[in-house]
Amino acid sequence: GGFRLKFFGSSKYFEEHKEFEDHTIYS
């Protein structure tokens, strides 16, 4: 669905959304 960019206060966002399971998070 495209890029997702998150800042402070969103540390669990990627873990809570299943669409990121097979994608690398860059931090």
mmCIF file of all heavy atoms, coordinates in Angstrom:
data_MODEL
# 
_entry.id   MODEL 
# 
loop_
_atom_site.group_PDB 
_atom_site.id 
_atom_site.type_symbol 
_atom_site.label_atom_id 
_atom_site.label_alt_id 
_atom_site.label_comp_id 
_atom_site.label_asym_id 
_atom_site.label_entity_id 
_atom_site.label_seq_id 
_atom_site.pdbx_PDB_ins_code 
_atom_site.Cartn_x 
_atom_site.Cartn_y 
_atom_site.Cartn_z 
_atom_site.occupancy 
_atom_site.B_iso_or_equiv 
_atom_site.pdbx_formal_charge 
_atom_site.auth_seq_id 
_atom_site.auth_comp_id 
_atom_site.auth_asym_id 
_atom_site.auth_atom_id 
_atom_site.pdbx_PDB_model_num 
ATOM 1   N N   . GLY A 1 1  ? 0.806  -1.228  0.000  1.00 0.00 ? 1  GLY A N   1 
ATOM 2   C CA  . GLY A 1 1  ? 0.000  0.000   0.000  1.00 0.00 ? 1  GLY A CA  1 
ATOM 3   C C   . GLY A 1 1  ? 0.836  1.274   0.000  1.00 0.00 ? 1  GLY A C   1 
ATOM 4   O O   . GLY A 1 1  ? 0.291  2.374   0.084  1.00 0.00 ? 1  GLY A O   1 
ATOM 5   N N   . GLY A 1 2  ? 2.172  1.135   -0.075 1.00 0.00 ? 2  GLY A N   1 
ATOM 6   C CA  . GLY A 1 2  ? 3.054  2.298   -0.091 1.00 0.00 ? 2  GLY A CA  1 
ATOM 7   C C   . GLY A 1 2  ? 3.892  2.425   1.161  1.00 0.00 ? 2  GLY A C   1 
ATOM 8   O O   . GLY A 1 2  ? 3.962  1.493   1.978  1.00 0.00 ? 2  GLY A O   1 
ATOM 9   N N   . PHE A 1 3  ? 4.523  3.585   1.369  1.00 0.00 ? 3  PHE A N   1 
ATOM 10  C CA  . PHE A 1 3  ? 5.399  3.824   2.519  1.00 0.00 ? 3  PHE A CA  1 
ATOM 11  C C   . PHE A 1 3  ? 4.581  4.209   3.749  1.00 0.00 ? 3  PHE A C   1 
ATOM 12  O O   . PHE A 1 3  ? 3.550  4.880   3.642  1.00 0.00 ? 3  PHE A O   1 
ATOM 13  C CB  . PHE A 1 3  ? 6.393  4.951   2.218  1.00 0.00 ? 3  PHE A CB  1 
ATOM 14  C CG  . PHE A 1 3  ? 7.566  4.507   1.384  1.00 0.00 ? 3  PHE A CG  1 
ATOM 15  C CD1 . PHE A 1 3  ? 7.563  4.703   0.013  1.00 0.00 ? 3  PHE A CD1 1 
ATOM 16  C CD2 . PHE A 1 3  ? 8.654  3.880   1.973  1.00 0.00 ? 3  PHE A CD2 1 
ATOM 17  C CE1 . PHE A 1 3  ? 8.634  4.299   -0.764 1.00 0.00 ? 3  PHE A CE1 1 
ATOM 18  C CE2 . PHE A 1 3  ? 9.732  3.470   1.207  1.00 0.00 ? 3  PHE A CE2 1 
ATOM 19  C CZ  . PHE A 1 3  ? 9.722  3.681   -0.170 1.00 0.00 ? 3  PHE A CZ  1 
ATOM 20  N N   . ARG A 1 4  ? 5.086  3.792   4.926  1.00 0.00 ? 4  ARG A N   1 
ATOM 21  C CA  . ARG A 1 4  ? 4.516  4.220   6.199  1.00 0.00 ? 4  ARG A CA  1 
ATOM 22  C C   . ARG A 1 4  ? 5.646  4.794   7.035  1.00 0.00 ? 4  ARG A C   1 
ATOM 23  O O   . ARG A 1 4  ? 6.656  4.126   7.268  1.00 0.00 ? 4  ARG A O   1 
ATOM 24  C CB  . ARG A 1 4  ? 3.860  3.053   6.951  1.00 0.00 ? 4  ARG A CB  1 
ATOM 25  C CG  . ARG A 1 4  ? 2.619  2.500   6.267  1.00 0.00 ? 4  ARG A CG  1 
ATOM 26  C CD  . ARG A 1 4  ? 1.444  3.481   6.348  1.00 0.00 ? 4  ARG A CD  1 
ATOM 27  N NE  . ARG A 1 4  ? 0.239  2.895   5.805  1.00 0.00 ? 4  ARG A NE  1 
ATOM 28  C CZ  . ARG A 1 4  ? -0.108 2.907   4.529  1.00 0.00 ? 4  ARG A CZ  1 
ATOM 29  N NH1 . ARG A 1 4  ? 0.702  3.479   3.647  1.00 0.00 ? 4  ARG A NH1 1 
ATOM 30  N NH2 . ARG A 1 4  ? -1.219 2.345   4.120  1.00 0.00 ? 4  ARG A NH2 1 
ATOM 31  N N   . LEU A 1 5  ? 5.524  6.036   7.446  1.00 0.00 ? 5  LEU A N   1 
ATOM 32  C CA  . LEU A 1 5  ? 6.554  6.728   8.219  1.00 0.00 ? 5  LEU A CA  1 
ATOM 33  C C   . LEU A 1 5  ? 5.988  7.082   9.577  1.00 0.00 ? 5  LEU A C   1 
ATOM 34  O O   . LEU A 1 5  ? 4.905  7.670   9.677  1.00 0.00 ? 5  LEU A O   1 
ATOM 35  C CB  . LEU A 1 5  ? 6.990  7.993   7.477  1.00 0.00 ? 5  LEU A CB  1 
ATOM 36  C CG  . LEU A 1 5  ? 8.143  8.814   8.077  1.00 0.00 ? 5  LEU A CG  1 
ATOM 37  C CD1 . LEU A 1 5  ? 9.446  8.032   8.034  1.00 0.00 ? 5  LEU A CD1 1 
ATOM 38  C CD2 . LEU A 1 5  ? 8.288  10.133  7.330  1.00 0.00 ? 5  LEU A CD2 1 
ATOM 39  N N   . LYS A 1 6  ? 6.721  6.705   10.656 1.00 0.00 ? 6  LYS A N   1 
ATOM 40  C CA  . LYS A 1 6  ? 6.237  6.975   12.007 1.00 0.00 ? 6  LYS A CA  1 
ATOM 41  C C   . LYS A 1 6  ? 7.356  7.580   12.845 1.00 0.00 ? 6  LYS A C   1 
ATOM 42  O O   . LYS A 1 6  ? 8.522  7.221   12.718 1.00 0.00 ? 6  LYS A O   1 
ATOM 43  C CB  . LYS A 1 6  ? 5.743  5.680   12.679 1.00 0.00 ? 6  LYS A CB  1 
ATOM 44  C CG  . LYS A 1 6  ? 4.464  5.118   12.046 1.00 0.00 ? 6  LYS A CG  1 
ATOM 45  C CD  . LYS A 1 6  ? 3.274  6.023   12.293 1.00 0.00 ? 6  LYS A CD  1 
ATOM 46  C CE  . LYS A 1 6  ? 2.043  5.552   11.546 1.00 0.00 ? 6  LYS A CE  1 
ATOM 47  N NZ  . LYS A 1 6  ? 0.892  6.449   11.749 1.00 0.00 ? 6  LYS A NZ  1 
ATOM 48  N N   . PHE A 1 7  ? 6.961  8.511   13.753 1.00 0.00 ? 7  PHE A N   1 
ATOM 49  C CA  . PHE A 1 7  ? 7.920  9.177   14.620 1.00 0.00 ? 7  PHE A CA  1 
ATOM 50  C C   . PHE A 1 7  ? 7.721  8.742   16.067 1.00 0.00 ? 7  PHE A C   1 
ATOM 51  O O   . PHE A 1 7  ? 7.036  7.765   16.343 1.00 0.00 ? 7  PHE A O   1 
ATOM 52  C CB  . PHE A 1 7  ? 7.766  10.702  14.470 1.00 0.00 ? 7  PHE A CB  1 
ATOM 53  C CG  . PHE A 1 7  ? 8.148  11.201  13.112 1.00 0.00 ? 7  PHE A CG  1 
ATOM 54  C CD1 . PHE A 1 7  ? 7.196  11.348  12.113 1.00 0.00 ? 7  PHE A CD1 1 
ATOM 55  C CD2 . PHE A 1 7  ? 9.468  11.505  12.808 1.00 0.00 ? 7  PHE A CD2 1 
ATOM 56  C CE1 . PHE A 1 7  ? 7.548  11.786  10.846 1.00 0.00 ? 7  PHE A CE1 1 
ATOM 57  C CE2 . PHE A 1 7  ? 9.835  11.945  11.552 1.00 0.00 ? 7  PHE A CE2 1 
ATOM 58  C CZ  . PHE A 1 7  ? 8.873  12.080  10.566 1.00 0.00 ? 7  PHE A CZ  1 
ATOM 59  N N   . PHE A 1 8  ? 8.313  9.472   17.025 1.00 0.00 ? 8  PHE A N   1 
ATOM 60  C CA  . PHE A 1 8  ? 8.197  9.156   18.460 1.00 0.00 ? 8  PHE A CA  1 
ATOM 61  C C   . PHE A 1 8  ? 6.762  8.798   18.835 1.00 0.00 ? 8  PHE A C   1 
ATOM 62  O O   . PHE A 1 8  ? 5.804  9.353   18.309 1.00 0.00 ? 8  PHE A O   1 
ATOM 63  C CB  . PHE A 1 8  ? 8.602  10.371  19.294 1.00 0.00 ? 8  PHE A CB  1 
ATOM 64  C CG  . PHE A 1 8  ? 10.079 10.458  19.546 1.00 0.00 ? 8  PHE A CG  1 
ATOM 65  C CD1 . PHE A 1 8  ? 10.808 11.549  19.093 1.00 0.00 ? 8  PHE A CD1 1 
ATOM 66  C CD2 . PHE A 1 8  ? 10.744 9.465   20.237 1.00 0.00 ? 8  PHE A CD2 1 
ATOM 67  C CE1 . PHE A 1 8  ? 12.173 11.644  19.326 1.00 0.00 ? 8  PHE A CE1 1 
ATOM 68  C CE2 . PHE A 1 8  ? 12.103 9.553   20.485 1.00 0.00 ? 8  PHE A CE2 1 
ATOM 69  C CZ  . PHE A 1 8  ? 12.815 10.646  20.024 1.00 0.00 ? 8  PHE A CZ  1 
ATOM 70  N N   . GLY A 1 9  ? 6.647  7.894   19.800 1.00 0.00 ? 9  GLY A N   1 
ATOM 71  C CA  . GLY A 1 9  ? 5.325  7.572   20.318 1.00 0.00 ? 9  GLY A CA  1 
ATOM 72  C C   . GLY A 1 9  ? 4.595  6.527   19.517 1.00 0.00 ? 9  GLY A C   1 
ATOM 73  O O   . GLY A 1 9  ? 3.438  6.228   19.799 1.00 0.00 ? 9  GLY A O   1 
ATOM 74  N N   . SER A 1 10 ? 5.281  5.960   18.517 1.00 0.00 ? 10 SER A N   1 
ATOM 75  C CA  . SER A 1 10 ? 4.604  4.971   17.676 1.00 0.00 ? 10 SER A CA  1 
ATOM 76  C C   . SER A 1 10 ? 5.424  3.683   17.581 1.00 0.00 ? 10 SER A C   1 
ATOM 77  O O   . SER A 1 10 ? 5.436  3.024   16.570 1.00 0.00 ? 10 SER A O   1 
ATOM 78  C CB  . SER A 1 10 ? 4.397  5.547   16.281 1.00 0.00 ? 10 SER A CB  1 
ATOM 79  O OG  . SER A 1 10 ? 5.638  5.946   15.734 1.00 0.00 ? 10 SER A OG  1 
ATOM 80  N N   . SER A 1 11 ? 6.118  3.351   18.682 1.00 0.00 ? 11 SER A N   1 
ATOM 81  C CA  . SER A 1 11 ? 7.052  2.225   18.652 1.00 0.00 ? 11 SER A CA  1 
ATOM 82  C C   . SER A 1 11 ? 6.371  0.882   18.387 1.00 0.00 ? 11 SER A C   1 
ATOM 83  O O   . SER A 1 11 ? 6.986  -0.031  17.864 1.00 0.00 ? 11 SER A O   1 
ATOM 84  C CB  . SER A 1 11 ? 7.834  2.152   19.967 1.00 0.00 ? 11 SER A CB  1 
ATOM 85  O OG  . SER A 1 11 ? 6.956  1.963   21.044 1.00 0.00 ? 11 SER A OG  1 
ATOM 86  N N   . LYS A 1 12 ? 5.082  0.752   18.747 1.00 0.00 ? 12 LYS A N   1 
ATOM 87  C CA  . LYS A 1 12 ? 4.400  -0.528  18.555 1.00 0.00 ? 12 LYS A CA  1 
ATOM 88  C C   . LYS A 1 12 ? 3.516  -0.558  17.306 1.00 0.00 ? 12 LYS A C   1 
ATOM 89  O O   . LYS A 1 12 ? 2.848  -1.546  17.036 1.00 0.00 ? 12 LYS A O   1 
ATOM 90  C CB  . LYS A 1 12 ? 3.550  -0.841  19.791 1.00 0.00 ? 12 LYS A CB  1 
ATOM 91  C CG  . LYS A 1 12 ? 4.375  -1.101  21.050 1.00 0.00 ? 12 LYS A CG  1 
ATOM 92  C CD  . LYS A 1 12 ? 3.498  -1.497  22.213 1.00 0.00 ? 12 LYS A CD  1 
ATOM 93  C CE  . LYS A 1 12 ? 4.325  -1.776  23.463 1.00 0.00 ? 12 LYS A CE  1 
ATOM 94  N NZ  . LYS A 1 12 ? 3.466  -2.155  24.614 1.00 0.00 ? 12 LYS A NZ  1 
ATOM 95  N N   . TYR A 1 13 ? 3.525  0.529   16.563 1.00 0.00 ? 13 TYR A N   1 
ATOM 96  C CA  . TYR A 1 13 ? 2.628  0.635   15.415 1.00 0.00 ? 13 TYR A CA  1 
ATOM 97  C C   . TYR A 1 13 ? 2.846  -0.508  14.429 1.00 0.00 ? 13 TYR A C   1 
ATOM 98  O O   . TYR A 1 13 ? 1.893  -1.164  13.994 1.00 0.00 ? 13 TYR A O   1 
ATOM 99  C CB  . TYR A 1 13 ? 2.845  1.980   14.708 1.00 0.00 ? 13 TYR A CB  1 
ATOM 100 C CG  . TYR A 1 13 ? 2.035  2.147   13.444 1.00 0.00 ? 13 TYR A CG  1 
ATOM 101 C CD1 . TYR A 1 13 ? 0.721  2.608   13.491 1.00 0.00 ? 13 TYR A CD1 1 
ATOM 102 C CD2 . TYR A 1 13 ? 2.585  1.829   12.203 1.00 0.00 ? 13 TYR A CD2 1 
ATOM 103 C CE1 . TYR A 1 13 ? -0.023 2.743   12.332 1.00 0.00 ? 13 TYR A CE1 1 
ATOM 104 C CE2 . TYR A 1 13 ? 1.849  1.961   11.040 1.00 0.00 ? 13 TYR A CE2 1 
ATOM 105 C CZ  . TYR A 1 13 ? 0.551  2.421   11.105 1.00 0.00 ? 13 TYR A CZ  1 
ATOM 106 O OH  . TYR A 1 13 ? -0.182 2.549   9.965  1.00 0.00 ? 13 TYR A OH  1 
ATOM 107 N N   . PHE A 1 14 ? 4.091  -0.790  14.065 1.00 0.00 ? 14 PHE A N   1 
ATOM 108 C CA  . PHE A 1 14 ? 4.382  -1.795  13.053 1.00 0.00 ? 14 PHE A CA  1 
ATOM 109 C C   . PHE A 1 14 ? 4.070  -3.207  13.559 1.00 0.00 ? 14 PHE A C   1 
ATOM 110 O O   . PHE A 1 14 ? 3.645  -4.058  12.783 1.00 0.00 ? 14 PHE A O   1 
ATOM 111 C CB  . PHE A 1 14 ? 5.841  -1.699  12.622 1.00 0.00 ? 14 PHE A CB  1 
ATOM 112 C CG  . PHE A 1 14 ? 6.175  -0.416  11.923 1.00 0.00 ? 14 PHE A CG  1 
ATOM 113 C CD1 . PHE A 1 14 ? 6.833  0.615   12.583 1.00 0.00 ? 14 PHE A CD1 1 
ATOM 114 C CD2 . PHE A 1 14 ? 5.807  -0.211  10.602 1.00 0.00 ? 14 PHE A CD2 1 
ATOM 115 C CE1 . PHE A 1 14 ? 7.136  1.794   11.932 1.00 0.00 ? 14 PHE A CE1 1 
ATOM 116 C CE2 . PHE A 1 14 ? 6.104  0.974   9.941  1.00 0.00 ? 14 PHE A CE2 1 
ATOM 117 C CZ  . PHE A 1 14 ? 6.761  1.986   10.617 1.00 0.00 ? 14 PHE A CZ  1 
ATOM 118 N N   . GLU A 1 15 ? 4.281  -3.441  14.862 1.00 0.00 ? 15 GLU A N   1 
ATOM 119 C CA  . GLU A 1 15 ? 3.986  -4.754  15.429 1.00 0.00 ? 15 GLU A CA  1 
ATOM 120 C C   . GLU A 1 15 ? 2.482  -5.015  15.493 1.00 0.00 ? 15 GLU A C   1 
ATOM 121 O O   . GLU A 1 15 ? 2.034  -6.156  15.397 1.00 0.00 ? 15 GLU A O   1 
ATOM 122 C CB  . GLU A 1 15 ? 4.591  -4.873  16.834 1.00 0.00 ? 15 GLU A CB  1 
ATOM 123 C CG  . GLU A 1 15 ? 6.107  -4.998  16.874 1.00 0.00 ? 15 GLU A CG  1 
ATOM 124 C CD  . GLU A 1 15 ? 6.811  -3.653  16.784 1.00 0.00 ? 15 GLU A CD  1 
ATOM 125 O OE1 . GLU A 1 15 ? 6.131  -2.639  16.515 1.00 0.00 ? 15 GLU A OE1 1 
ATOM 126 O OE2 . GLU A 1 15 ? 8.048  -3.616  16.968 1.00 0.00 ? 15 GLU A OE2 1 
ATOM 127 N N   . GLU A 1 16 ? 1.706  -3.958  15.664 1.00 0.00 ? 16 GLU A N   1 
ATOM 128 C CA  . GLU A 1 16 ? 0.254  -4.097  15.827 1.00 0.00 ? 16 GLU A CA  1 
ATOM 129 C C   . GLU A 1 16 ? -0.487 -4.209  14.505 1.00 0.00 ? 16 GLU A C   1 
ATOM 130 O O   . GLU A 1 16 ? -1.664 -4.568  14.482 1.00 0.00 ? 16 GLU A O   1 
ATOM 131 C CB  . GLU A 1 16 ? -0.287 -2.896  16.617 1.00 0.00 ? 16 GLU A CB  1 
ATOM 132 C CG  . GLU A 1 16 ? 0.170  -2.894  18.081 1.00 0.00 ? 16 GLU A CG  1 
ATOM 133 C CD  . GLU A 1 16 ? -0.166 -1.593  18.779 1.00 0.00 ? 16 GLU A CD  1 
ATOM 134 O OE1 . GLU A 1 16 ? -0.574 -0.634  18.079 1.00 0.00 ? 16 GLU A OE1 1 
ATOM 135 O OE2 . GLU A 1 16 ? -0.016 -1.532  20.018 1.00 0.00 ? 16 GLU A OE2 1 
ATOM 136 N N   . HIS A 1 17 ? 0.163  -3.893  13.386 1.00 0.00 ? 17 HIS A N   1 
ATOM 137 C CA  . HIS A 1 17 ? -0.494 -3.949  12.078 1.00 0.00 ? 17 HIS A CA  1 
ATOM 138 C C   . HIS A 1 17 ? 0.097  -5.093  11.257 1.00 0.00 ? 17 HIS A C   1 
ATOM 139 O O   . HIS A 1 17 ? 1.282  -5.090  10.916 1.00 0.00 ? 17 HIS A O   1 
ATOM 140 C CB  . HIS A 1 17 ? -0.328 -2.614  11.332 1.00 0.00 ? 17 HIS A CB  1 
ATOM 141 C CG  . HIS A 1 17 ? -1.118 -1.500  11.947 1.00 0.00 ? 17 HIS A CG  1 
ATOM 142 N ND1 . HIS A 1 17 ? -0.767 -0.919  13.140 1.00 0.00 ? 17 HIS A ND1 1 
ATOM 143 C CD2 . HIS A 1 17 ? -2.267 -0.881  11.531 1.00 0.00 ? 17 HIS A CD2 1 
ATOM 144 C CE1 . HIS A 1 17 ? -1.653 0.026   13.443 1.00 0.00 ? 17 HIS A CE1 1 
ATOM 145 N NE2 . HIS A 1 17 ? -2.572 0.064   12.485 1.00 0.00 ? 17 HIS A NE2 1 
ATOM 146 N N   . LYS A 1 18 ? -0.744 -6.064  10.936 1.00 0.00 ? 18 LYS A N   1 
ATOM 147 C CA  . LYS A 1 18 ? -0.320 -7.309  10.306 1.00 0.00 ? 18 LYS A CA  1 
ATOM 148 C C   . LYS A 1 18 ? 0.277  -7.117  8.906  1.00 0.00 ? 18 LYS A C   1 
ATOM 149 O O   . LYS A 1 18 ? 1.053  -7.954  8.440  1.00 0.00 ? 18 LYS A O   1 
ATOM 150 C CB  . LYS A 1 18 ? -1.513 -8.281  10.220 1.00 0.00 ? 18 LYS A CB  1 
ATOM 151 C CG  . LYS A 1 18 ? -2.069 -8.707  11.568 1.00 0.00 ? 18 LYS A CG  1 
ATOM 152 C CD  . LYS A 1 18 ? -1.042 -9.517  12.352 1.00 0.00 ? 18 LYS A CD  1 
ATOM 153 C CE  . LYS A 1 18 ? -1.623 -9.975  13.693 1.00 0.00 ? 18 LYS A CE  1 
ATOM 154 N NZ  . LYS A 1 18 ? -0.609 -10.718 14.477 1.00 0.00 ? 18 LYS A NZ  1 
ATOM 155 N N   . GLU A 1 19 ? -0.058 -6.019  8.230  1.00 0.00 ? 19 GLU A N   1 
ATOM 156 C CA  . GLU A 1 19 ? 0.437  -5.845  6.861  1.00 0.00 ? 19 GLU A CA  1 
ATOM 157 C C   . GLU A 1 19 ? 1.958  -5.653  6.800  1.00 0.00 ? 19 GLU A C   1 
ATOM 158 O O   . GLU A 1 19 ? 2.558  -5.709  5.737  1.00 0.00 ? 19 GLU A O   1 
ATOM 159 C CB  . GLU A 1 19 ? -0.257 -4.665  6.166  1.00 0.00 ? 19 GLU A CB  1 
ATOM 160 C CG  . GLU A 1 19 ? 0.052  -3.294  6.747  1.00 0.00 ? 19 GLU A CG  1 
ATOM 161 C CD  . GLU A 1 19 ? -0.987 -2.824  7.754  1.00 0.00 ? 19 GLU A CD  1 
ATOM 162 O OE1 . GLU A 1 19 ? -1.588 -3.692  8.430  1.00 0.00 ? 19 GLU A OE1 1 
ATOM 163 O OE2 . GLU A 1 19 ? -1.185 -1.606  7.859  1.00 0.00 ? 19 GLU A OE2 1 
ATOM 164 N N   . PHE A 1 20 ? 2.583  -5.428  7.966  1.00 0.00 ? 20 PHE A N   1 
ATOM 165 C CA  . PHE A 1 20 ? 4.029  -5.213  7.989  1.00 0.00 ? 20 PHE A CA  1 
ATOM 166 C C   . PHE A 1 20 ? 4.810  -6.495  8.322  1.00 0.00 ? 20 PHE A C   1 
ATOM 167 O O   . PHE A 1 20 ? 6.042  -6.469  8.361  1.00 0.00 ? 20 PHE A O   1 
ATOM 168 C CB  . PHE A 1 20 ? 4.392  -4.134  9.002  1.00 0.00 ? 20 PHE A CB  1 
ATOM 169 C CG  . PHE A 1 20 ? 3.818  -2.783  8.679  1.00 0.00 ? 20 PHE A CG  1 
ATOM 170 C CD1 . PHE A 1 20 ? 2.775  -2.261  9.420  1.00 0.00 ? 20 PHE A CD1 1 
ATOM 171 C CD2 . PHE A 1 20 ? 4.304  -2.052  7.614  1.00 0.00 ? 20 PHE A CD2 1 
ATOM 172 C CE1 . PHE A 1 20 ? 2.227  -1.022  9.120  1.00 0.00 ? 20 PHE A CE1 1 
ATOM 173 C CE2 . PHE A 1 20 ? 3.770  -0.807  7.296  1.00 0.00 ? 20 PHE A CE2 1 
ATOM 174 C CZ  . PHE A 1 20 ? 2.726  -0.295  8.055  1.00 0.00 ? 20 PHE A CZ  1 
ATOM 175 N N   . GLU A 1 21 ? 4.116  -7.606  8.541  1.00 0.00 ? 21 GLU A N   1 
ATOM 176 C CA  . GLU A 1 21 ? 4.776  -8.839  8.987  1.00 0.00 ? 21 GLU A CA  1 
ATOM 177 C C   . GLU A 1 21 ? 5.867  -9.316  8.036  1.00 0.00 ? 21 GLU A C   1 
ATOM 178 O O   . GLU A 1 21 ? 6.890  -9.806  8.454  1.00 0.00 ? 21 GLU A O   1 
ATOM 179 C CB  . GLU A 1 21 ? 3.743  -9.946  9.193  1.00 0.00 ? 21 GLU A CB  1 
ATOM 180 C CG  . GLU A 1 21 ? 3.021  -9.845  10.525 1.00 0.00 ? 21 GLU A CG  1 
ATOM 181 C CD  . GLU A 1 21 ? 2.140  -11.053 10.799 1.00 0.00 ? 21 GLU A CD  1 
ATOM 182 O OE1 . GLU A 1 21 ? 2.041  -11.917 9.904  1.00 0.00 ? 21 GLU A OE1 1 
ATOM 183 O OE2 . GLU A 1 21 ? 1.564  -11.126 11.893 1.00 0.00 ? 21 GLU A OE2 1 
ATOM 184 N N   . ASP A 1 22 ? 5.642  -9.211  6.744  1.00 0.00 ? 22 ASP A N   1 
ATOM 185 C CA  . ASP A 1 22 ? 6.616  -9.705  5.769  1.00 0.00 ? 22 ASP A CA  1 
ATOM 186 C C   . ASP A 1 22 ? 7.473  -8.593  5.169  1.00 0.00 ? 22 ASP A C   1 
ATOM 187 O O   . ASP A 1 22 ? 8.086  -8.771  4.122  1.00 0.00 ? 22 ASP A O   1 
ATOM 188 C CB  . ASP A 1 22 ? 5.881  -10.455 4.648  1.00 0.00 ? 22 ASP A CB  1 
ATOM 189 C CG  . ASP A 1 22 ? 5.191  -11.709 5.156  1.00 0.00 ? 22 ASP A CG  1 
ATOM 190 O OD1 . ASP A 1 22 ? 5.751  -12.345 6.076  1.00 0.00 ? 22 ASP A OD1 1 
ATOM 191 O OD2 . ASP A 1 22 ? 4.106  -12.034 4.658  1.00 0.00 ? 22 ASP A OD2 1 
ATOM 192 N N   . HIS A 1 23 ? 7.510  -7.437  5.839  1.00 0.00 ? 23 HIS A N   1 
ATOM 193 C CA  . HIS A 1 23 ? 8.262  -6.299  5.315  1.00 0.00 ? 23 HIS A CA  1 
ATOM 194 C C   . HIS A 1 23 ? 9.260  -5.799  6.364  1.00 0.00 ? 23 HIS A C   1 
ATOM 195 O O   . HIS A 1 23 ? 8.986  -5.857  7.561  1.00 0.00 ? 23 HIS A O   1 
ATOM 196 C CB  . HIS A 1 23 ? 7.315  -5.171  4.917  1.00 0.00 ? 23 HIS A CB  1 
ATOM 197 C CG  . HIS A 1 23 ? 6.339  -5.568  3.852  1.00 0.00 ? 23 HIS A CG  1 
ATOM 198 N ND1 . HIS A 1 23 ? 6.641  -5.526  2.516  1.00 0.00 ? 23 HIS A ND1 1 
ATOM 199 C CD2 . HIS A 1 23 ? 5.069  -6.048  3.947  1.00 0.00 ? 23 HIS A CD2 1 
ATOM 200 C CE1 . HIS A 1 23 ? 5.597  -5.947  1.821  1.00 0.00 ? 23 HIS A CE1 1 
ATOM 201 N NE2 . HIS A 1 23 ? 4.630  -6.272  2.654  1.00 0.00 ? 23 HIS A NE2 1 
ATOM 202 N N   . THR A 1 24 ? 10.387 -5.314  5.899  1.00 0.00 ? 24 THR A N   1 
ATOM 203 C CA  . THR A 1 24 ? 11.436 -4.827  6.789  1.00 0.00 ? 24 THR A CA  1 
ATOM 204 C C   . THR A 1 24 ? 11.111 -3.423  7.295  1.00 0.00 ? 24 THR A C   1 
ATOM 205 O O   . THR A 1 24 ? 10.704 -2.559  6.516  1.00 0.00 ? 24 THR A O   1 
ATOM 206 C CB  . THR A 1 24 ? 12.792 -4.793  6.064  1.00 0.00 ? 24 THR A CB  1 
ATOM 207 O OG1 . THR A 1 24 ? 13.092 -6.102  5.571  1.00 0.00 ? 24 THR A OG1 1 
ATOM 208 C CG2 . THR A 1 24 ? 13.902 -4.347  7.002  1.00 0.00 ? 24 THR A CG2 1 
ATOM 209 N N   . ILE A 1 25 ? 11.290 -3.232  8.600  1.00 0.00 ? 25 ILE A N   1 
ATOM 210 C CA  . ILE A 1 25 ? 11.146 -1.900  9.208  1.00 0.00 ? 25 ILE A CA  1 
ATOM 211 C C   . ILE A 1 25 ? 12.542 -1.291  9.306  1.00 0.00 ? 25 ILE A C   1 
ATOM 212 O O   . ILE A 1 25 ? 13.483 -1.940  9.784  1.00 0.00 ? 25 ILE A O   1 
ATOM 213 C CB  . ILE A 1 25 ? 10.533 -1.999  10.621 1.00 0.00 ? 25 ILE A CB  1 
ATOM 214 C CG1 . ILE A 1 25 ? 9.180  -2.690  10.570 1.00 0.00 ? 25 ILE A CG1 1 
ATOM 215 C CG2 . ILE A 1 25 ? 10.412 -0.618  11.257 1.00 0.00 ? 25 ILE A CG2 1 
ATOM 216 C CD1 . ILE A 1 25 ? 8.686  -3.168  11.922 1.00 0.00 ? 25 ILE A CD1 1 
ATOM 217 N N   . TYR A 1 26 ? 12.689 -0.057  8.841  1.00 0.00 ? 26 TYR A N   1 
ATOM 218 C CA  . TYR A 1 26 ? 13.966 0.656   8.899  1.00 0.00 ? 26 TYR A CA  1 
ATOM 219 C C   . TYR A 1 26 ? 13.844 1.733   9.974  1.00 0.00 ? 26 TYR A C   1 
ATOM 220 O O   . TYR A 1 26 ? 12.942 2.572   9.909  1.00 0.00 ? 26 TYR A O   1 
ATOM 221 C CB  . TYR A 1 26 ? 14.294 1.279   7.542  1.00 0.00 ? 26 TYR A CB  1 
ATOM 222 C CG  . TYR A 1 26 ? 14.397 0.249   6.427  1.00 0.00 ? 26 TYR A CG  1 
ATOM 223 C CD1 . TYR A 1 26 ? 13.263 -0.125  5.705  1.00 0.00 ? 26 TYR A CD1 1 
ATOM 224 C CD2 . TYR A 1 26 ? 15.614 -0.349  6.122  1.00 0.00 ? 26 TYR A CD2 1 
ATOM 225 C CE1 . TYR A 1 26 ? 13.347 -1.078  4.695  1.00 0.00 ? 26 TYR A CE1 1 
ATOM 226 C CE2 . TYR A 1 26 ? 15.706 -1.302  5.117  1.00 0.00 ? 26 TYR A CE2 1 
ATOM 227 C CZ  . TYR A 1 26 ? 14.566 -1.665  4.405  1.00 0.00 ? 26 TYR A CZ  1 
ATOM 228 O OH  . TYR A 1 26 ? 14.658 -2.608  3.412  1.00 0.00 ? 26 TYR A OH  1 
ATOM 229 N N   . SER A 1 27 ? 14.750 1.689   10.965 1.00 0.00 ? 27 SER A N   1 
ATOM 230 C CA  . SER A 1 27 ? 14.598 2.578   12.123 1.00 0.00 ? 27 SER A CA  1 
ATOM 231 C C   . SER A 1 27 ? 15.884 3.305   12.475 1.00 0.00 ? 27 SER A C   1 
ATOM 232 O O   . SER A 1 27 ? 16.988 2.789   12.289 1.00 0.00 ? 27 SER A O   1 
ATOM 233 C CB  . SER A 1 27 ? 14.146 1.773   13.351 1.00 0.00 ? 27 SER A CB  1 
ATOM 234 O OG  . SER A 1 27 ? 12.934 1.105   13.106 1.00 0.00 ? 27 SER A OG  1 
# 
